[in-house]
Amino acid sequence: MSLLLLCAGQISVQRAVVSTDPAGGVMRQWQVIATAIPATILTLRASANTAMERRGLVTTHLIISPVNPQARIGDRVSDGINWYLVRFTADLGDRGRAWAIFAQLIDPQS
């Protein structure tokens, strides 16, 4: 069975471009890196791992795709409804045919 058959949704990946404004402040603008990437988003349900939390690796969702999403740590991913902060990415070892993004759901108010 192909991983593509399990990926019913689509995601887009955005990367922050940091610049300074005329007053010397920092501005962050999000630039689209990739769109319409087939993916499935799974909610992770497990007990908290304090060692990972100390390293800042709090993850709430796993995003799986048959296509390399080109996501890096600190990027954000959208499924059209929610935003997720990329915490870690991995090639699942299937010759580039399966990719995982460990992400944290971003509070819509922040």
PDB file of N, CA and C in Angstrom:
ATOM      1  N   MET A   1       0.849  -1.178   0.000  1.00  0.00           N
ATOM      2  CA  MET A   1       0.000   0.000   0.000  1.00  0.00           C
ATOM      3  C   MET A   1       0.891   1.236   0.000  1.00  0.00           C
ATOM      4  N   SER A   2       0.527   2.196  -0.774  1.00  0.00           N
ATOM      5  CA  SER A   2       1.280   3.437  -0.871  1.00  0.00           C
ATOM      6  C   SER A   2       0.884   4.389   0.261  1.00  0.00           C
ATOM      7  N   LEU A   3       1.883   5.117   0.775  1.00  0.00           N
ATOM      8  CA  LEU A   3       1.622   6.117   1.813  1.00  0.00           C
ATOM      9  C   LEU A   3       0.716   7.218   1.272  1.00  0.00           C
ATOM     10  N   LEU A   4       0.794   7.474  -0.018  1.00  0.00           N
ATOM     11  CA  LEU A   4      -0.035   8.505  -0.635  1.00  0.00           C
ATOM     12  C   LEU A   4      -1.526   8.231  -0.430  1.00  0.00           C
ATOM     13  N   LEU A   5      -1.927   6.953  -0.415  1.00  0.00           N
ATOM     14  CA  LEU A   5      -3.335   6.613  -0.213  1.00  0.00           C
ATOM     15  C   LEU A   5      -3.822   6.974   1.187  1.00  0.00           C
ATOM     16  N   LEU A   6      -2.912   7.022   2.159  1.00  0.00           N
ATOM     17  CA  LEU A   6      -3.284   7.366   3.531  1.00  0.00           C
ATOM     18  C   LEU A   6      -3.309   8.871   3.777  1.00  0.00           C
ATOM     19  N   CYS A   7      -2.771   9.644   2.852  1.00  0.00           N
ATOM     20  CA  CYS A   7      -2.670  11.093   3.020  1.00  0.00           C
ATOM     21  C   CYS A   7      -3.853  11.779   2.358  1.00  0.00           C
ATOM     22  N   ALA A   8      -4.913  11.947   3.112  1.00  0.00           N
ATOM     23  CA  ALA A   8      -6.142  12.513   2.579  1.00  0.00           C
ATOM     24  C   ALA A   8      -6.132  14.042   2.551  1.00  0.00           C
ATOM     25  N   GLY A   9      -5.261  14.664   3.324  1.00  0.00           N
ATOM     26  CA  GLY A   9      -5.221  16.123   3.392  1.00  0.00           C
ATOM     27  C   GLY A   9      -4.024  16.709   2.672  1.00  0.00           C
ATOM     28  N   GLN A  10      -3.927  18.036   2.736  1.00  0.00           N
ATOM     29  CA  GLN A  10      -2.797  18.746   2.150  1.00  0.00           C
ATOM     30  C   GLN A  10      -2.292  19.779   3.142  1.00  0.00           C
ATOM     31  N   ILE A  11      -0.986  20.047   3.087  1.00  0.00           N
ATOM     32  CA  ILE A  11      -0.382  21.049   3.970  1.00  0.00           C
ATOM     33  C   ILE A  11       0.413  22.049   3.148  1.00  0.00           C
ATOM     34  N   SER A  12       0.701  23.182   3.774  1.00  0.00           N
ATOM     35  CA  SER A  12       1.635  24.147   3.201  1.00  0.00           C
ATOM     36  C   SER A  12       2.674  24.463   4.268  1.00  0.00           C
ATOM     37  N   VAL A  13       3.875  24.793   3.832  1.00  0.00           N
ATOM     38  CA  VAL A  13       4.988  25.086   4.736  1.00  0.00           C
ATOM     39  C   VAL A  13       5.408  26.537   4.536  1.00  0.00           C
ATOM     40  N   GLN A  14       5.610  27.244   5.650  1.00  0.00           N
ATOM     41  CA  GLN A  14       6.061  28.637   5.612  1.00  0.00           C
ATOM     42  C   GLN A  14       7.302  28.796   6.467  1.00  0.00           C
ATOM     43  N   ARG A  15       8.202  29.688   6.034  1.00  0.00           N
ATOM     44  CA  ARG A  15       9.443  29.961   6.755  1.00  0.00           C
ATOM     45  C   ARG A  15       9.519  31.449   7.061  1.00  0.00           C
ATOM     46  N   ALA A  16       9.972  31.779   8.265  1.00  0.00           N
ATOM     47  CA  ALA A  16      10.074  33.172   8.694  1.00  0.00           C
ATOM     48  C   ALA A  16      11.282  33.841   8.053  1.00  0.00           C
ATOM     49  N   VAL A  17      11.062  35.042   7.540  1.00  0.00           N
ATOM     50  CA  VAL A  17      12.132  35.891   7.038  1.00  0.00           C
ATOM     51  C   VAL A  17      12.209  37.074   8.000  1.00  0.00           C
ATOM     52  N   VAL A  18      13.331  37.186   8.689  1.00  0.00           N
ATOM     53  CA  VAL A  18      13.483  38.215   9.710  1.00  0.00           C
ATOM     54  C   VAL A  18      14.223  39.401   9.117  1.00  0.00           C
ATOM     55  N   SER A  19      13.673  40.593   9.371  1.00  0.00           N
ATOM     56  CA  SER A  19      14.311  41.830   8.916  1.00  0.00           C
ATOM     57  C   SER A  19      14.077  42.900   9.981  1.00  0.00           C
ATOM     58  N   THR A  20      14.706  44.060   9.797  1.00  0.00           N
ATOM     59  CA  THR A  20      14.513  45.151  10.755  1.00  0.00           C
ATOM     60  C   THR A  20      13.657  46.234  10.107  1.00  0.00           C
ATOM     61  N   ASP A  21      12.850  46.880  10.926  1.00  0.00           N
ATOM     62  CA  ASP A  21      12.039  47.981  10.429  1.00  0.00           C
ATOM     63  C   ASP A  21      12.831  49.281  10.583  1.00  0.00           C
ATOM     64  N   PRO A  22      12.331  50.404  10.057  1.00  0.00           N
ATOM     65  CA  PRO A  22      13.069  51.667  10.123  1.00  0.00           C
ATOM     66  C   PRO A  22      13.404  52.122  11.548  1.00  0.00           C
ATOM     67  N   ALA A  23      12.622  51.677  12.525  1.00  0.00           N
ATOM     68  CA  ALA A  23      12.882  52.073  13.918  1.00  0.00           C
ATOM     69  C   ALA A  23      13.890  51.147  14.597  1.00  0.00           C
ATOM     70  N   GLY A  24      14.367  50.123  13.888  1.00  0.00           N
ATOM     71  CA  GLY A  24      15.335  49.192  14.453  1.00  0.00           C
ATOM     72  C   GLY A  24      14.721  47.961  15.086  1.00  0.00           C
ATOM     73  N   GLY A  25      13.413  47.842  15.022  1.00  0.00           N
ATOM     74  CA  GLY A  25      12.733  46.666  15.576  1.00  0.00           C
ATOM     75  C   GLY A  25      12.835  45.480  14.635  1.00  0.00           C
ATOM     76  N   VAL A  26      12.505  44.341  15.149  1.00  0.00           N
ATOM     77  CA  VAL A  26      12.566  43.113  14.359  1.00  0.00           C
ATOM     78  C   VAL A  26      11.196  42.820  13.765  1.00  0.00           C
ATOM     79  N   MET A  27      11.187  42.545  12.469  1.00  0.00           N
ATOM     80  CA  MET A  27       9.958  42.175  11.768  1.00  0.00           C
ATOM     81  C   MET A  27      10.100  40.745  11.264  1.00  0.00           C
ATOM     82  N   ARG A  28       9.048  39.973  11.403  1.00  0.00           N
ATOM     83  CA  ARG A  28       9.038  38.603  10.901  1.00  0.00           C
ATOM     84  C   ARG A  28       7.922  38.479   9.890  1.00  0.00           C
ATOM     85  N   GLN A  29       8.285  38.095   8.680  1.00  0.00           N
ATOM     86  CA  GLN A  29       7.307  37.859   7.634  1.00  0.00           C
ATOM     87  C   GLN A  29       7.419  36.400   7.211  1.00  0.00           C
ATOM     88  N   TRP A  30       6.267  35.779   6.991  1.00  0.00           N
ATOM     89  CA  TRP A  30       6.252  34.363   6.637  1.00  0.00           C
ATOM     90  C   TRP A  30       6.223  34.213   5.129  1.00  0.00           C
ATOM     91  N   GLN A  31       7.155  33.430   4.612  1.00  0.00           N
ATOM     92  CA  GLN A  31       7.289  33.188   3.181  1.00  0.00           C
ATOM     93  C   GLN A  31       6.892  31.740   2.897  1.00  0.00           C
ATOM     94  N   VAL A  32       6.062  31.544   1.896  1.00  0.00           N
ATOM     95  CA  VAL A  32       5.608  30.198   1.533  1.00  0.00           C
ATOM     96  C   VAL A  32       6.757  29.440   0.873  1.00  0.00           C
ATOM     97  N   ILE A  33       7.042  28.254   1.410  1.00  0.00           N
ATOM     98  CA  ILE A  33       8.099  27.393   0.871  1.00  0.00           C
ATOM     99  C   ILE A  33       7.511  26.335  -0.059  1.00  0.00           C
ATOM    100  N   ALA A  34       6.406  25.727   0.377  1.00  0.00           N
ATOM    101  CA  ALA A  34       5.770  24.670  -0.414  1.00  0.00           C
ATOM    102  C   ALA A  34       4.272  24.650  -0.120  1.00  0.00           C
ATOM    103  N   THR A  35       3.493  24.298  -1.119  1.00  0.00           N
ATOM    104  CA  THR A  35       2.036  24.201  -0.950  1.00  0.00           C
ATOM    105  C   THR A  35       1.534  22.898  -1.562  1.00  0.00           C
ATOM    106  N   ALA A  36       0.320  22.542  -1.198  1.00  0.00           N
ATOM    107  CA  ALA A  36      -0.376  21.366  -1.739  1.00  0.00           C
ATOM    108  C   ALA A  36       0.431  20.077  -1.588  1.00  0.00           C
ATOM    109  N   ILE A  37       1.053  19.909  -0.437  1.00  0.00           N
ATOM    110  CA  ILE A  37       1.803  18.691  -0.147  1.00  0.00           C
ATOM    111  C   ILE A  37       0.833  17.679   0.465  1.00  0.00           C
ATOM    112  N   PRO A  38       0.713  16.489  -0.122  1.00  0.00           N
ATOM    113  CA  PRO A  38      -0.179  15.494   0.464  1.00  0.00           C
ATOM    114  C   PRO A  38       0.349  15.054   1.825  1.00  0.00           C
ATOM    115  N   ALA A  39      -0.537  14.981   2.817  1.00  0.00           N
ATOM    116  CA  ALA A  39      -0.100  14.626   4.168  1.00  0.00           C
ATOM    117  C   ALA A  39      -1.277  14.158   5.006  1.00  0.00           C
ATOM    118  N   THR A  40      -0.939  13.533   6.100  1.00  0.00           N
ATOM    119  CA  THR A  40      -1.919  13.204   7.124  1.00  0.00           C
ATOM    120  C   THR A  40      -1.367  13.689   8.459  1.00  0.00           C
ATOM    121  N   ILE A  41      -2.252  14.206   9.308  1.00  0.00           N
ATOM    122  CA  ILE A  41      -1.840  14.769  10.592  1.00  0.00           C
ATOM    123  C   ILE A  41      -2.447  13.914  11.696  1.00  0.00           C
ATOM    124  N   LEU A  42      -1.569  13.397  12.555  1.00  0.00           N
ATOM    125  CA  LEU A  42      -1.989  12.536  13.651  1.00  0.00           C
ATOM    126  C   LEU A  42      -1.728  13.236  14.983  1.00  0.00           C
ATOM    127  N   THR A  43      -2.672  13.149  15.890  1.00  0.00           N
ATOM    128  CA  THR A  43      -2.498  13.714  17.221  1.00  0.00           C
ATOM    129  C   THR A  43      -1.738  12.714  18.080  1.00  0.00           C
ATOM    130  N   LEU A  44      -0.681  13.192  18.722  1.00  0.00           N
ATOM    131  CA  LEU A  44       0.109  12.336  19.605  1.00  0.00           C
ATOM    132  C   LEU A  44      -0.510  12.349  20.990  1.00  0.00           C
ATOM    133  N   ARG A  45      -0.755  11.195  21.524  1.00  0.00           N
ATOM    134  CA  ARG A  45      -1.319  11.084  22.870  1.00  0.00           C
ATOM    135  C   ARG A  45      -0.401  10.181  23.683  1.00  0.00           C
ATOM    136  N   ALA A  46       0.335  10.797  24.581  1.00  0.00           N
ATOM    137  CA  ALA A  46       1.255  10.044  25.433  1.00  0.00           C
ATOM    138  C   ALA A  46       1.571  10.872  26.656  1.00  0.00           C
ATOM    139  N   SER A  47       2.217  10.262  27.603  1.00  0.00           N
ATOM    140  CA  SER A  47       2.616  11.015  28.788  1.00  0.00           C
ATOM    141  C   SER A  47       3.775  11.936  28.431  1.00  0.00           C
ATOM    142  N   ALA A  48       3.905  13.025  29.156  1.00  0.00           N
ATOM    143  CA  ALA A  48       4.954  14.002  28.876  1.00  0.00           C
ATOM    144  C   ALA A  48       6.329  13.405  29.173  1.00  0.00           C
ATOM    145  N   ASN A  49       7.262  13.677  28.319  1.00  0.00           N
ATOM    146  CA  ASN A  49       8.643  13.249  28.512  1.00  0.00           C
ATOM    147  C   ASN A  49       9.425  14.461  28.987  1.00  0.00           C
ATOM    148  N   THR A  50       9.799  14.481  30.257  1.00  0.00           N
ATOM    149  CA  THR A  50      10.447  15.676  30.818  1.00  0.00           C
ATOM    150  C   THR A  50      11.799  15.956  30.188  1.00  0.00           C
ATOM    151  N   ALA A  51      12.508  14.925  29.753  1.00  0.00           N
ATOM    152  CA  ALA A  51      13.798  15.150  29.100  1.00  0.00           C
ATOM    153  C   ALA A  51      13.614  15.899  27.787  1.00  0.00           C
ATOM    154  N   MET A  52      12.566  15.560  27.046  1.00  0.00           N
ATOM    155  CA  MET A  52      12.307  16.259  25.787  1.00  0.00           C
ATOM    156  C   MET A  52      11.829  17.679  26.049  1.00  0.00           C
ATOM    157  N   GLU A  53      11.029  17.876  27.095  1.00  0.00           N
ATOM    158  CA  GLU A  53      10.543  19.218  27.408  1.00  0.00           C
ATOM    159  C   GLU A  53      11.686  20.144  27.777  1.00  0.00           C
ATOM    160  N   ARG A  54      12.692  19.627  28.489  1.00  0.00           N
ATOM    161  CA  ARG A  54      13.852  20.452  28.841  1.00  0.00           C
ATOM    162  C   ARG A  54      14.599  20.909  27.599  1.00  0.00           C
ATOM    163  N   ARG A  55      14.581  20.102  26.570  1.00  0.00           N
ATOM    164  CA  ARG A  55      15.246  20.468  25.318  1.00  0.00           C
ATOM    165  C   ARG A  55      14.352  21.314  24.414  1.00  0.00           C
ATOM    166  N   GLY A  56      13.132  21.577  24.832  1.00  0.00           N
ATOM    167  CA  GLY A  56      12.207  22.362  24.029  1.00  0.00           C
ATOM    168  C   GLY A  56      11.536  21.577  22.927  1.00  0.00           C
ATOM    169  N   LEU A  57      11.487  20.272  23.054  1.00  0.00           N
ATOM    170  CA  LEU A  57      10.896  19.425  22.017  1.00  0.00           C
ATOM    171  C   LEU A  57       9.502  18.971  22.405  1.00  0.00           C
ATOM    172  N   VAL A  58       8.635  19.910  22.700  1.00  0.00           N
ATOM    173  CA  VAL A  58       7.250  19.578  23.011  1.00  0.00           C
ATOM    174  C   VAL A  58       6.517  19.394  21.688  1.00  0.00           C
ATOM    175  N   THR A  59       6.002  18.203  21.468  1.00  0.00           N
ATOM    176  CA  THR A  59       5.278  17.921  20.228  1.00  0.00           C
ATOM    177  C   THR A  59       3.869  17.447  20.551  1.00  0.00           C
ATOM    178  N   THR A  60       2.929  17.877  19.748  1.00  0.00           N
ATOM    179  CA  THR A  60       1.541  17.477  19.937  1.00  0.00           C
ATOM    180  C   THR A  60       0.994  16.714  18.741  1.00  0.00           C
ATOM    181  N   HIS A  61       1.652  16.841  17.580  1.00  0.00           N
ATOM    182  CA  HIS A  61       1.144  16.213  16.361  1.00  0.00           C
ATOM    183  C   HIS A  61       2.285  15.635  15.529  1.00  0.00           C
ATOM    184  N   LEU A  62       1.960  14.608  14.782  1.00  0.00           N
ATOM    185  CA  LEU A  62       2.881  13.999  13.834  1.00  0.00           C
ATOM    186  C   LEU A  62       2.281  14.171  12.446  1.00  0.00           C
ATOM    187  N   ILE A  63       3.049  14.755  11.545  1.00  0.00           N
ATOM    188  CA  ILE A  63       2.597  14.975  10.170  1.00  0.00           C
ATOM    189  C   ILE A  63       3.418  14.051   9.277  1.00  0.00           C
ATOM    190  N   ILE A  64       2.742  13.208   8.508  1.00  0.00           N
ATOM    191  CA  ILE A  64       3.415  12.243   7.645  1.00  0.00           C
ATOM    192  C   ILE A  64       3.085  12.572   6.199  1.00  0.00           C
ATOM    193  N   SER A  65       4.131  12.514   5.344  1.00  0.00           N
ATOM    194  CA  SER A  65       3.945  12.830   3.933  1.00  0.00           C
ATOM    195  C   SER A  65       4.815  11.927   3.067  1.00  0.00           C
ATOM    196  N   PRO A  66       4.346  11.564   1.872  1.00  0.00           N
ATOM    197  CA  PRO A  66       5.175  10.794   0.949  1.00  0.00           C
ATOM    198  C   PRO A  66       6.125  11.679   0.150  1.00  0.00           C
ATOM    199  N   VAL A  67       6.008  12.989   0.315  1.00  0.00           N
ATOM    200  CA  VAL A  67       6.822  13.967  -0.415  1.00  0.00           C
ATOM    201  C   VAL A  67       7.661  14.743   0.595  1.00  0.00           C
ATOM    202  N   ASN A  68       8.900  15.051   0.252  1.00  0.00           N
ATOM    203  CA  ASN A  68       9.745  15.845   1.143  1.00  0.00           C
ATOM    204  C   ASN A  68       9.147  17.243   1.266  1.00  0.00           C
ATOM    205  N   PRO A  69       8.701  17.642   2.459  1.00  0.00           N
ATOM    206  CA  PRO A  69       8.056  18.945   2.625  1.00  0.00           C
ATOM    207  C   PRO A  69       9.032  20.115   2.718  1.00  0.00           C
ATOM    208  N   GLN A  70      10.339  19.840   2.750  1.00  0.00           N
ATOM    209  CA  GLN A  70      11.370  20.884   2.847  1.00  0.00           C
ATOM    210  C   GLN A  70      11.238  21.705   4.124  1.00  0.00           C
ATOM    211  N   ALA A  71      10.617  21.164   5.154  1.00  0.00           N
ATOM    212  CA  ALA A  71      10.422  21.891   6.414  1.00  0.00           C
ATOM    213  C   ALA A  71      11.673  21.782   7.282  1.00  0.00           C
ATOM    214  N   ARG A  72      11.942  22.863   8.016  1.00  0.00           N
ATOM    215  CA  ARG A  72      13.049  22.903   8.960  1.00  0.00           C
ATOM    216  C   ARG A  72      12.517  23.285  10.337  1.00  0.00           C
ATOM    217  N   ILE A  73      13.320  23.065  11.341  1.00  0.00           N
ATOM    218  CA  ILE A  73      12.940  23.448  12.695  1.00  0.00           C
ATOM    219  C   ILE A  73      12.663  24.947  12.726  1.00  0.00           C
ATOM    220  N   GLY A  74      11.531  25.336  13.292  1.00  0.00           N
ATOM    221  CA  GLY A  74      11.138  26.739  13.380  1.00  0.00           C
ATOM    222  C   GLY A  74      10.167  27.172  12.300  1.00  0.00           C
ATOM    223  N   ASP A  75      10.012  26.370  11.241  1.00  0.00           N
ATOM    224  CA  ASP A  75       9.021  26.676  10.207  1.00  0.00           C
ATOM    225  C   ASP A  75       7.634  26.429  10.772  1.00  0.00           C
ATOM    226  N   ARG A  76       6.626  26.845  10.033  1.00  0.00           N
ATOM    227  CA  ARG A  76       5.271  26.523  10.442  1.00  0.00           C
ATOM    228  C   ARG A  76       4.547  25.845   9.290  1.00  0.00           C
ATOM    229  N   VAL A  77       3.624  24.977   9.664  1.00  0.00           N
ATOM    230  CA  VAL A  77       2.867  24.170   8.709  1.00  0.00           C
ATOM    231  C   VAL A  77       1.391  24.463   8.933  1.00  0.00           C
ATOM    232  N   SER A  78       0.643  24.559   7.842  1.00  0.00           N
ATOM    233  CA  SER A  78      -0.791  24.783   7.936  1.00  0.00           C
ATOM    234  C   SER A  78      -1.528  23.711   7.151  1.00  0.00           C
ATOM    235  N   ASP A  79      -2.648  23.278   7.718  1.00  0.00           N
ATOM    236  CA  ASP A  79      -3.521  22.360   6.993  1.00  0.00           C
ATOM    237  C   ASP A  79      -4.767  23.080   6.494  1.00  0.00           C
ATOM    238  N   GLY A  80      -4.748  24.415   6.549  1.00  0.00           N
ATOM    239  CA  GLY A  80      -5.883  25.218   6.134  1.00  0.00           C
ATOM    240  C   GLY A  80      -6.770  25.620   7.300  1.00  0.00           C
ATOM    241  N   ILE A  81      -6.614  24.949   8.428  1.00  0.00           N
ATOM    242  CA  ILE A  81      -7.407  25.259   9.616  1.00  0.00           C
ATOM    243  C   ILE A  81      -6.497  25.646  10.780  1.00  0.00           C
ATOM    244  N   ASN A  82      -5.505  24.805  11.059  1.00  0.00           N
ATOM    245  CA  ASN A  82      -4.602  25.007  12.188  1.00  0.00           C
ATOM    246  C   ASN A  82      -3.178  25.290  11.719  1.00  0.00           C
ATOM    247  N   TRP A  83      -2.408  25.870  12.634  1.00  0.00           N
ATOM    248  CA  TRP A  83      -0.989  26.110  12.400  1.00  0.00           C
ATOM    249  C   TRP A  83      -0.189  25.240  13.354  1.00  0.00           C
ATOM    250  N   TYR A  84       0.916  24.692  12.867  1.00  0.00           N
ATOM    251  CA  TYR A  84       1.785  23.831  13.654  1.00  0.00           C
ATOM    252  C   TYR A  84       3.220  24.345  13.542  1.00  0.00           C
ATOM    253  N   LEU A  85       3.930  24.389  14.659  1.00  0.00           N
ATOM    254  CA  LEU A  85       5.328  24.787  14.687  1.00  0.00           C
ATOM    255  C   LEU A  85       6.182  23.533  14.533  1.00  0.00           C
ATOM    256  N   VAL A  86       7.101  23.540  13.568  1.00  0.00           N
ATOM    257  CA  VAL A  86       7.947  22.383  13.303  1.00  0.00           C
ATOM    258  C   VAL A  86       9.002  22.271  14.398  1.00  0.00           C
ATOM    259  N   ARG A  87       9.041  21.126  15.068  1.00  0.00           N
ATOM    260  CA  ARG A  87      10.015  20.867  16.126  1.00  0.00           C
ATOM    261  C   ARG A  87      11.127  19.935  15.667  1.00  0.00           C
ATOM    262  N   PHE A  88      10.811  19.019  14.727  1.00  0.00           N
ATOM    263  CA  PHE A  88      11.799  18.045  14.255  1.00  0.00           C
ATOM    264  C   PHE A  88      11.276  17.432  12.966  1.00  0.00           C
ATOM    265  N   THR A  89      12.173  17.146  12.030  1.00  0.00           N
ATOM    266  CA  THR A  89      11.776  16.463  10.797  1.00  0.00           C
ATOM    267  C   THR A  89      12.663  15.237  10.609  1.00  0.00           C
ATOM    268  N   ALA A  90      12.143  14.243   9.905  1.00  0.00           N
ATOM    269  CA  ALA A  90      12.916  13.028   9.692  1.00  0.00           C
ATOM    270  C   ALA A  90      12.507  12.342   8.399  1.00  0.00           C
ATOM    271  N   ASP A  91      13.520  11.826   7.691  1.00  0.00           N
ATOM    272  CA  ASP A  91      13.285  10.915   6.576  1.00  0.00           C
ATOM    273  C   ASP A  91      13.081   9.552   7.228  1.00  0.00           C
ATOM    274  N   LEU A  92      11.974   8.923   6.947  1.00  0.00           N
ATOM    275  CA  LEU A  92      11.656   7.678   7.626  1.00  0.00           C
ATOM    276  C   LEU A  92      12.413   6.478   7.078  1.00  0.00           C
ATOM    277  N   GLY A  93      13.438   6.716   6.272  1.00  0.00           N
ATOM    278  CA  GLY A  93      14.314   5.644   5.842  1.00  0.00           C
ATOM    279  C   GLY A  93      13.804   4.813   4.704  1.00  0.00           C
ATOM    280  N   ASP A  94      12.866   5.336   3.959  1.00  0.00           N
ATOM    281  CA  ASP A  94      12.300   4.577   2.847  1.00  0.00           C
ATOM    282  C   ASP A  94      12.728   5.189   1.520  1.00  0.00           C
ATOM    283  N   ARG A  95      14.004   5.485   1.397  1.00  0.00           N
ATOM    284  CA  ARG A  95      14.587   6.064   0.175  1.00  0.00           C
ATOM    285  C   ARG A  95      13.879   7.339  -0.261  1.00  0.00           C
ATOM    286  N   GLY A  96      13.568   8.199   0.718  1.00  0.00           N
ATOM    287  CA  GLY A  96      12.953   9.483   0.402  1.00  0.00           C
ATOM    288  C   GLY A  96      11.483   9.422   0.068  1.00  0.00           C
ATOM    289  N   ARG A  97      10.829   8.306   0.394  1.00  0.00           N
ATOM    290  CA  ARG A  97       9.407   8.176   0.058  1.00  0.00           C
ATOM    291  C   ARG A  97       8.482   8.340   1.250  1.00  0.00           C
ATOM    292  N   ALA A  98       9.044   8.644   2.429  1.00  0.00           N
ATOM    293  CA  ALA A  98       8.224   8.834   3.610  1.00  0.00           C
ATOM    294  C   ALA A  98       8.921   9.832   4.532  1.00  0.00           C
ATOM    295  N   TRP A  99       8.209  10.894   4.876  1.00  0.00           N
ATOM    296  CA  TRP A  99       8.768  11.956   5.709  1.00  0.00           C
ATOM    297  C   TRP A  99       7.867  12.207   6.902  1.00  0.00           C
ATOM    298  N   ALA A 100       8.483  12.559   8.015  1.00  0.00           N
ATOM    299  CA  ALA A 100       7.731  12.852   9.234  1.00  0.00           C
ATOM    300  C   ALA A 100       8.117  14.229   9.749  1.00  0.00           C
ATOM    301  N   ILE A 101       7.121  14.957  10.214  1.00  0.00           N
ATOM    302  CA  ILE A 101       7.338  16.240  10.876  1.00  0.00           C
ATOM    303  C   ILE A 101       6.706  16.126  12.260  1.00  0.00           C
ATOM    304  N   PHE A 102       7.522  16.289  13.284  1.00  0.00           N
ATOM    305  CA  PHE A 102       7.005  16.350  14.649  1.00  0.00           C
ATOM    306  C   PHE A 102       6.746  17.816  14.936  1.00  0.00           C
ATOM    307  N   ALA A 103       5.517  18.151  15.291  1.00  0.00           N
ATOM    308  CA  ALA A 103       5.111  19.549  15.392  1.00  0.00           C
ATOM    309  C   ALA A 103       4.314  19.808  16.659  1.00  0.00           C
ATOM    310  N   GLN A 104       4.223  21.088  16.982  1.00  0.00           N
ATOM    311  CA  GLN A 104       3.438  21.537  18.132  1.00  0.00           C
ATOM    312  C   GLN A 104       2.331  22.449  17.623  1.00  0.00           C
ATOM    313  N   LEU A 105       1.100  22.166  18.032  1.00  0.00           N
ATOM    314  CA  LEU A 105      -0.037  22.988  17.651  1.00  0.00           C
ATOM    315  C   LEU A 105       0.166  24.393  18.204  1.00  0.00           C
ATOM    316  N   ILE A 106       0.018  25.400  17.358  1.00  0.00           N
ATOM    317  CA  ILE A 106       0.191  26.780  17.774  1.00  0.00           C
ATOM    318  C   ILE A 106      -1.161  27.328  18.210  1.00  0.00           C
ATOM    319  N   ASP A 107      -1.179  27.952  19.372  1.00  0.00           N
ATOM    320  CA  ASP A 107      -2.400  28.566  19.885  1.00  0.00           C
ATOM    321  C   ASP A 107      -2.848  29.640  18.909  1.00  0.00           C
ATOM    322  N   PRO A 108      -4.087  29.598  18.437  1.00  0.00           N
ATOM    323  CA  PRO A 108      -4.531  30.585  17.459  1.00  0.00           C
ATOM    324  C   PRO A 108      -4.511  32.027  17.982  1.00  0.00           C
ATOM    325  N   GLN A 109      -4.496  32.206  19.300  1.00  0.00           N
ATOM    326  CA  GLN A 109      -4.473  33.553  19.866  1.00  0.00           C
ATOM    327  C   GLN A 109      -3.078  34.168  19.879  1.00  0.00           C
ATOM    328  N   SER A 110      -2.020  33.358  19.686  1.00  0.00           N
ATOM    329  CA  SER A 110      -0.667  33.907  19.772  1.00  0.00           C
ATOM    330  C   SER A 110      -0.108  34.265  18.419  1.00  0.00           C
TER     331      SER A 110
END
